[in-house]
Amino acid sequence: MDTKIAFTVDEAARQASLGRDRIYAAIRDGRLEARKAGRRTVVTADAIKRFINALPALKLPQEGDR
């Protein structure tokens, strides 16, 4: 079976484990590239990967920093 290369906003949100509002905000802010196919907004798998990889890394406090 072929790997899916484009997702609706709902599907992109599920792929990224984020909410639809966060996906739409990222598109509005220009942090997530989206495309239009008629009235449908689609997000490519590559754009989702770039968006996730650009998020800041989590830095947990060291044991003695609490």
PDB file of N, CA and C in Angstrom:
ATOM      1  N   MET A   1       0.843  -1.185   0.000  1.00  0.00           N
ATOM      2  CA  MET A   1       0.000   0.000   0.000  1.00  0.00           C
ATOM      3  C   MET A   1       0.888   1.249   0.000  1.00  0.00           C
ATOM      4  N   ASP A   2       0.475   2.259  -0.748  1.00  0.00           N
ATOM      5  CA  ASP A   2       1.236   3.504  -0.832  1.00  0.00           C
ATOM      6  C   ASP A   2       1.124   4.316   0.448  1.00  0.00           C
ATOM      7  N   THR A   3       2.186   5.039   0.764  1.00  0.00           N
ATOM      8  CA  THR A   3       2.188   5.933   1.913  1.00  0.00           C
ATOM      9  C   THR A   3       1.483   7.225   1.520  1.00  0.00           C
ATOM     10  N   LYS A   4       0.637   7.714   2.389  1.00  0.00           N
ATOM     11  CA  LYS A   4      -0.110   8.938   2.129  1.00  0.00           C
ATOM     12  C   LYS A   4       0.835  10.140   2.143  1.00  0.00           C
ATOM     13  N   ILE A   5       0.704  11.057   1.170  1.00  0.00           N
ATOM     14  CA  ILE A   5       1.612  12.206   1.084  1.00  0.00           C
ATOM     15  C   ILE A   5       0.956  13.532   1.445  1.00  0.00           C
ATOM     16  N   ALA A   6      -0.381  13.561   1.533  1.00  0.00           N
ATOM     17  CA  ALA A   6      -1.078  14.796   1.882  1.00  0.00           C
ATOM     18  C   ALA A   6      -2.259  14.475   2.793  1.00  0.00           C
ATOM     19  N   PHE A   7      -2.538  15.424   3.683  1.00  0.00           N
ATOM     20  CA  PHE A   7      -3.566  15.229   4.704  1.00  0.00           C
ATOM     21  C   PHE A   7      -4.479  16.434   4.776  1.00  0.00           C
ATOM     22  N   THR A   8      -5.747  16.204   5.129  1.00  0.00           N
ATOM     23  CA  THR A   8      -6.631  17.310   5.468  1.00  0.00           C
ATOM     24  C   THR A   8      -6.137  17.907   6.781  1.00  0.00           C
ATOM     25  N   VAL A   9      -6.687  19.034   7.181  1.00  0.00           N
ATOM     26  CA  VAL A   9      -6.285  19.648   8.444  1.00  0.00           C
ATOM     27  C   VAL A   9      -6.585  18.718   9.615  1.00  0.00           C
ATOM     28  N   ASP A  10      -7.735  18.070   9.603  1.00  0.00           N
ATOM     29  CA  ASP A  10      -8.076  17.123  10.678  1.00  0.00           C
ATOM     30  C   ASP A  10      -7.073  15.972  10.731  1.00  0.00           C
ATOM     31  N   GLU A  11      -6.737  15.428   9.563  1.00  0.00           N
ATOM     32  CA  GLU A  11      -5.772  14.329   9.511  1.00  0.00           C
ATOM     33  C   GLU A  11      -4.381  14.793   9.942  1.00  0.00           C
ATOM     34  N   ALA A  12      -3.991  16.007   9.513  1.00  0.00           N
ATOM     35  CA  ALA A  12      -2.689  16.553   9.903  1.00  0.00           C
ATOM     36  C   ALA A  12      -2.613  16.719  11.414  1.00  0.00           C
ATOM     37  N   ALA A  13      -3.708  17.169  12.022  1.00  0.00           N
ATOM     38  CA  ALA A  13      -3.748  17.327  13.475  1.00  0.00           C
ATOM     39  C   ALA A  13      -3.545  15.972  14.160  1.00  0.00           C
ATOM     40  N   ARG A  14      -4.198  14.945  13.652  1.00  0.00           N
ATOM     41  CA  ARG A  14      -4.027  13.606  14.228  1.00  0.00           C
ATOM     42  C   ARG A  14      -2.600  13.101  14.026  1.00  0.00           C
ATOM     43  N   GLN A  15      -2.031  13.316  12.846  1.00  0.00           N
ATOM     44  CA  GLN A  15      -0.666  12.869  12.559  1.00  0.00           C
ATOM     45  C   GLN A  15       0.332  13.530  13.502  1.00  0.00           C
ATOM     46  N   ALA A  16       0.107  14.820  13.815  1.00  0.00           N
ATOM     47  CA  ALA A  16       1.035  15.578  14.657  1.00  0.00           C
ATOM     48  C   ALA A  16       0.678  15.484  16.139  1.00  0.00           C
ATOM     49  N   SER A  17      -0.409  14.806  16.466  1.00  0.00           N
ATOM     50  CA  SER A  17      -0.913  14.715  17.845  1.00  0.00           C
ATOM     51  C   SER A  17      -1.184  16.098  18.431  1.00  0.00           C
ATOM     52  N   LEU A  18      -1.782  16.952  17.610  1.00  0.00           N
ATOM     53  CA  LEU A  18      -2.144  18.315  18.014  1.00  0.00           C
ATOM     54  C   LEU A  18      -3.605  18.554  17.677  1.00  0.00           C
ATOM     55  N   GLY A  19      -4.143  19.640  18.193  1.00  0.00           N
ATOM     56  CA  GLY A  19      -5.522  20.004  17.894  1.00  0.00           C
ATOM     57  C   GLY A  19      -5.630  20.780  16.591  1.00  0.00           C
ATOM     58  N   ARG A  20      -6.828  20.791  16.027  1.00  0.00           N
ATOM     59  CA  ARG A  20      -7.081  21.532  14.786  1.00  0.00           C
ATOM     60  C   ARG A  20      -6.738  23.002  14.929  1.00  0.00           C
ATOM     61  N   ASP A  21      -7.087  23.599  16.079  1.00  0.00           N
ATOM     62  CA  ASP A  21      -6.815  25.025  16.290  1.00  0.00           C
ATOM     63  C   ASP A  21      -5.325  25.311  16.223  1.00  0.00           C
ATOM     64  N   ARG A  22      -4.518  24.428  16.783  1.00  0.00           N
ATOM     65  CA  ARG A  22      -3.060  24.603  16.753  1.00  0.00           C
ATOM     66  C   ARG A  22      -2.540  24.502  15.321  1.00  0.00           C
ATOM     67  N   ILE A  23      -3.102  23.590  14.530  1.00  0.00           N
ATOM     68  CA  ILE A  23      -2.698  23.436  13.127  1.00  0.00           C
ATOM     69  C   ILE A  23      -3.077  24.688  12.336  1.00  0.00           C
ATOM     70  N   TYR A  24      -4.313  25.165  12.498  1.00  0.00           N
ATOM     71  CA  TYR A  24      -4.731  26.377  11.788  1.00  0.00           C
ATOM     72  C   TYR A  24      -3.894  27.582  12.211  1.00  0.00           C
ATOM     73  N   ALA A  25      -3.563  27.699  13.489  1.00  0.00           N
ATOM     74  CA  ALA A  25      -2.726  28.805  13.965  1.00  0.00           C
ATOM     75  C   ALA A  25      -1.343  28.738  13.327  1.00  0.00           C
ATOM     76  N   ALA A  26      -0.774  27.546  13.230  1.00  0.00           N
ATOM     77  CA  ALA A  26       0.547  27.378  12.617  1.00  0.00           C
ATOM     78  C   ALA A  26       0.507  27.732  11.131  1.00  0.00           C
ATOM     79  N   ILE A  27      -0.586  27.399  10.460  1.00  0.00           N
ATOM     80  CA  ILE A  27      -0.734  27.761   9.046  1.00  0.00           C
ATOM     81  C   ILE A  27      -0.833  29.282   8.927  1.00  0.00           C
ATOM     82  N   ARG A  28      -1.669  29.901   9.764  1.00  0.00           N
ATOM     83  CA  ARG A  28      -1.829  31.372   9.741  1.00  0.00           C
ATOM     84  C   ARG A  28      -0.511  32.085  10.000  1.00  0.00           C
ATOM     85  N   ASP A  29       0.274  31.562  10.970  1.00  0.00           N
ATOM     86  CA  ASP A  29       1.551  32.175  11.346  1.00  0.00           C
ATOM     87  C   ASP A  29       2.660  31.897  10.342  1.00  0.00           C
ATOM     88  N   GLY A  30       2.410  31.020   9.381  1.00  0.00           N
ATOM     89  CA  GLY A  30       3.418  30.683   8.393  1.00  0.00           C
ATOM     90  C   GLY A  30       4.418  29.635   8.863  1.00  0.00           C
ATOM     91  N   ARG A  31       4.157  29.018  10.013  1.00  0.00           N
ATOM     92  CA  ARG A  31       5.063  27.986  10.528  1.00  0.00           C
ATOM     93  C   ARG A  31       4.780  26.616   9.921  1.00  0.00           C
ATOM     94  N   LEU A  32       3.586  26.443   9.367  1.00  0.00           N
ATOM     95  CA  LEU A  32       3.194  25.186   8.723  1.00  0.00           C
ATOM     96  C   LEU A  32       2.670  25.514   7.335  1.00  0.00           C
ATOM     97  N   GLU A  33       3.320  24.945   6.328  1.00  0.00           N
ATOM     98  CA  GLU A  33       2.930  25.205   4.941  1.00  0.00           C
ATOM     99  C   GLU A  33       1.726  24.349   4.573  1.00  0.00           C
ATOM    100  N   ALA A  34       0.726  24.985   3.998  1.00  0.00           N
ATOM    101  CA  ALA A  34      -0.469  24.281   3.548  1.00  0.00           C
ATOM    102  C   ALA A  34      -0.720  24.632   2.088  1.00  0.00           C
ATOM    103  N   ARG A  35      -1.508  23.828   1.432  1.00  0.00           N
ATOM    104  CA  ARG A  35      -1.857  24.026   0.028  1.00  0.00           C
ATOM    105  C   ARG A  35      -3.378  23.984  -0.093  1.00  0.00           C
ATOM    106  N   LYS A  36      -3.859  24.591  -1.173  1.00  0.00           N
ATOM    107  CA  LYS A  36      -5.294  24.566  -1.444  1.00  0.00           C
ATOM    108  C   LYS A  36      -5.563  23.702  -2.665  1.00  0.00           C
ATOM    109  N   ALA A  37      -6.523  22.808  -2.535  1.00  0.00           N
ATOM    110  CA  ALA A  37      -7.012  22.003  -3.653  1.00  0.00           C
ATOM    111  C   ALA A  37      -8.500  22.307  -3.750  1.00  0.00           C
ATOM    112  N   GLY A  38      -8.836  23.287  -4.553  1.00  0.00           N
ATOM    113  CA  GLY A  38     -10.212  23.777  -4.577  1.00  0.00           C
ATOM    114  C   GLY A  38     -10.496  24.460  -3.247  1.00  0.00           C
ATOM    115  N   ARG A  39     -11.514  24.004  -2.559  1.00  0.00           N
ATOM    116  CA  ARG A  39     -11.845  24.569  -1.245  1.00  0.00           C
ATOM    117  C   ARG A  39     -11.135  23.841  -0.112  1.00  0.00           C
ATOM    118  N   ARG A  40     -10.544  22.711  -0.404  1.00  0.00           N
ATOM    119  CA  ARG A  40      -9.911  21.896   0.632  1.00  0.00           C
ATOM    120  C   ARG A  40      -8.490  22.370   0.919  1.00  0.00           C
ATOM    121  N   THR A  41      -8.160  22.469   2.196  1.00  0.00           N
ATOM    122  CA  THR A  41      -6.802  22.773   2.629  1.00  0.00           C
ATOM    123  C   THR A  41      -6.106  21.456   2.912  1.00  0.00           C
ATOM    124  N   VAL A  42      -4.926  21.279   2.327  1.00  0.00           N
ATOM    125  CA  VAL A  42      -4.165  20.051   2.553  1.00  0.00           C
ATOM    126  C   VAL A  42      -2.769  20.406   3.044  1.00  0.00           C
ATOM    127  N   VAL A  43      -2.218  19.515   3.829  1.00  0.00           N
ATOM    128  CA  VAL A  43      -0.879  19.676   4.386  1.00  0.00           C
ATOM    129  C   VAL A  43      -0.088  18.436   3.987  1.00  0.00           C
ATOM    130  N   THR A  44       1.084  18.639   3.401  1.00  0.00           N
ATOM    131  CA  THR A  44       1.881  17.484   2.985  1.00  0.00           C
ATOM    132  C   THR A  44       2.560  16.834   4.186  1.00  0.00           C
ATOM    133  N   ALA A  45       2.892  15.571   4.017  1.00  0.00           N
ATOM    134  CA  ALA A  45       3.603  14.841   5.077  1.00  0.00           C
ATOM    135  C   ALA A  45       4.938  15.519   5.366  1.00  0.00           C
ATOM    136  N   ASP A  46       5.628  15.992   4.331  1.00  0.00           N
ATOM    137  CA  ASP A  46       6.908  16.679   4.529  1.00  0.00           C
ATOM    138  C   ASP A  46       6.739  17.965   5.328  1.00  0.00           C
ATOM    139  N   ALA A  47       5.655  18.709   5.072  1.00  0.00           N
ATOM    140  CA  ALA A  47       5.416  19.954   5.816  1.00  0.00           C
ATOM    141  C   ALA A  47       5.159  19.659   7.292  1.00  0.00           C
ATOM    142  N   ILE A  48       4.427  18.583   7.578  1.00  0.00           N
ATOM    143  CA  ILE A  48       4.172  18.198   8.973  1.00  0.00           C
ATOM    144  C   ILE A  48       5.488  17.857   9.660  1.00  0.00           C
ATOM    145  N   LYS A  49       6.346  17.084   8.983  1.00  0.00           N
ATOM    146  CA  LYS A  49       7.641  16.716   9.565  1.00  0.00           C
ATOM    147  C   LYS A  49       8.502  17.948   9.833  1.00  0.00           C
ATOM    148  N   ARG A  50       8.541  18.895   8.867  1.00  0.00           N
ATOM    149  CA  ARG A  50       9.327  20.122   9.068  1.00  0.00           C
ATOM    150  C   ARG A  50       8.792  20.924  10.250  1.00  0.00           C
ATOM    151  N   PHE A  51       7.473  21.016  10.362  1.00  0.00           N
ATOM    152  CA  PHE A  51       6.850  21.759  11.449  1.00  0.00           C
ATOM    153  C   PHE A  51       7.204  21.145  12.805  1.00  0.00           C
ATOM    154  N   ILE A  52       7.062  19.836  12.917  1.00  0.00           N
ATOM    155  CA  ILE A  52       7.369  19.146  14.176  1.00  0.00           C
ATOM    156  C   ILE A  52       8.843  19.296  14.513  1.00  0.00           C
ATOM    157  N   ASN A  53       9.712  19.129  13.532  1.00  0.00           N
ATOM    158  CA  ASN A  53      11.160  19.235  13.771  1.00  0.00           C
ATOM    159  C   ASN A  53      11.587  20.647  14.152  1.00  0.00           C
ATOM    160  N   ALA A  54      10.801  21.655  13.787  1.00  0.00           N
ATOM    161  CA  ALA A  54      11.128  23.047  14.120  1.00  0.00           C
ATOM    162  C   ALA A  54      10.630  23.460  15.513  1.00  0.00           C
ATOM    163  N   LEU A  55       9.807  22.612  16.142  1.00  0.00           N
ATOM    164  CA  LEU A  55       9.331  22.932  17.487  1.00  0.00           C
ATOM    165  C   LEU A  55      10.512  22.918  18.461  1.00  0.00           C
ATOM    166  N   PRO A  56      10.459  23.737  19.508  1.00  0.00           N
ATOM    167  CA  PRO A  56      11.573  23.746  20.460  1.00  0.00           C
ATOM    168  C   PRO A  56      11.700  22.414  21.201  1.00  0.00           C
ATOM    169  N   ALA A  57      12.931  22.044  21.485  1.00  0.00           N
ATOM    170  CA  ALA A  57      13.190  20.807  22.223  1.00  0.00           C
ATOM    171  C   ALA A  57      12.797  20.992  23.681  1.00  0.00           C
ATOM    172  N   LEU A  58      12.304  19.949  24.285  1.00  0.00           N
ATOM    173  CA  LEU A  58      11.932  19.966  25.693  1.00  0.00           C
ATOM    174  C   LEU A  58      13.185  19.865  26.547  1.00  0.00           C
ATOM    175  N   LYS A  59      13.313  20.761  27.491  1.00  0.00           N
ATOM    176  CA  LYS A  59      14.457  20.744  28.427  1.00  0.00           C
ATOM    177  C   LYS A  59      13.893  20.569  29.839  1.00  0.00           C
ATOM    178  N   LEU A  60      14.057  19.383  30.392  1.00  0.00           N
ATOM    179  CA  LEU A  60      13.593  19.125  31.743  1.00  0.00           C
ATOM    180  C   LEU A  60      14.647  19.614  32.742  1.00  0.00           C
ATOM    181  N   PRO A  61      14.218  20.105  33.898  1.00  0.00           N
ATOM    182  CA  PRO A  61      15.195  20.560  34.897  1.00  0.00           C
ATOM    183  C   PRO A  61      16.037  19.395  35.413  1.00  0.00           C
ATOM    184  N   GLN A  62      17.266  19.689  35.752  1.00  0.00           N
ATOM    185  CA  GLN A  62      18.156  18.685  36.350  1.00  0.00           C
ATOM    186  C   GLN A  62      17.644  18.327  37.744  1.00  0.00           C
ATOM    187  N   GLU A  63      18.037  17.207  38.255  1.00  0.00           N
ATOM    188  CA  GLU A  63      17.590  16.735  39.565  1.00  0.00           C
ATOM    189  C   GLU A  63      17.801  17.770  40.654  1.00  0.00           C
ATOM    190  N   GLY A  64      18.942  18.452  40.677  1.00  0.00           N
ATOM    191  CA  GLY A  64      19.241  19.426  41.733  1.00  0.00           C
ATOM    192  C   GLY A  64      18.692  20.816  41.491  1.00  0.00           C
ATOM    193  N   ASP A  65      18.003  21.052  40.357  1.00  0.00           N
ATOM    194  CA  ASP A  65      17.506  22.391  40.004  1.00  0.00           C
ATOM    195  C   ASP A  65      16.120  22.683  40.571  1.00  0.00           C
ATOM    196  N   ARG A  66      15.538  21.788  41.303  1.00  0.00           N
ATOM    197  CA  ARG A  66      14.172  22.019  41.784  1.00  0.00           C
ATOM    198  C   ARG A  66      14.133  22.822  43.000  1.00  0.00           C
TER     199      ARG A  66
END
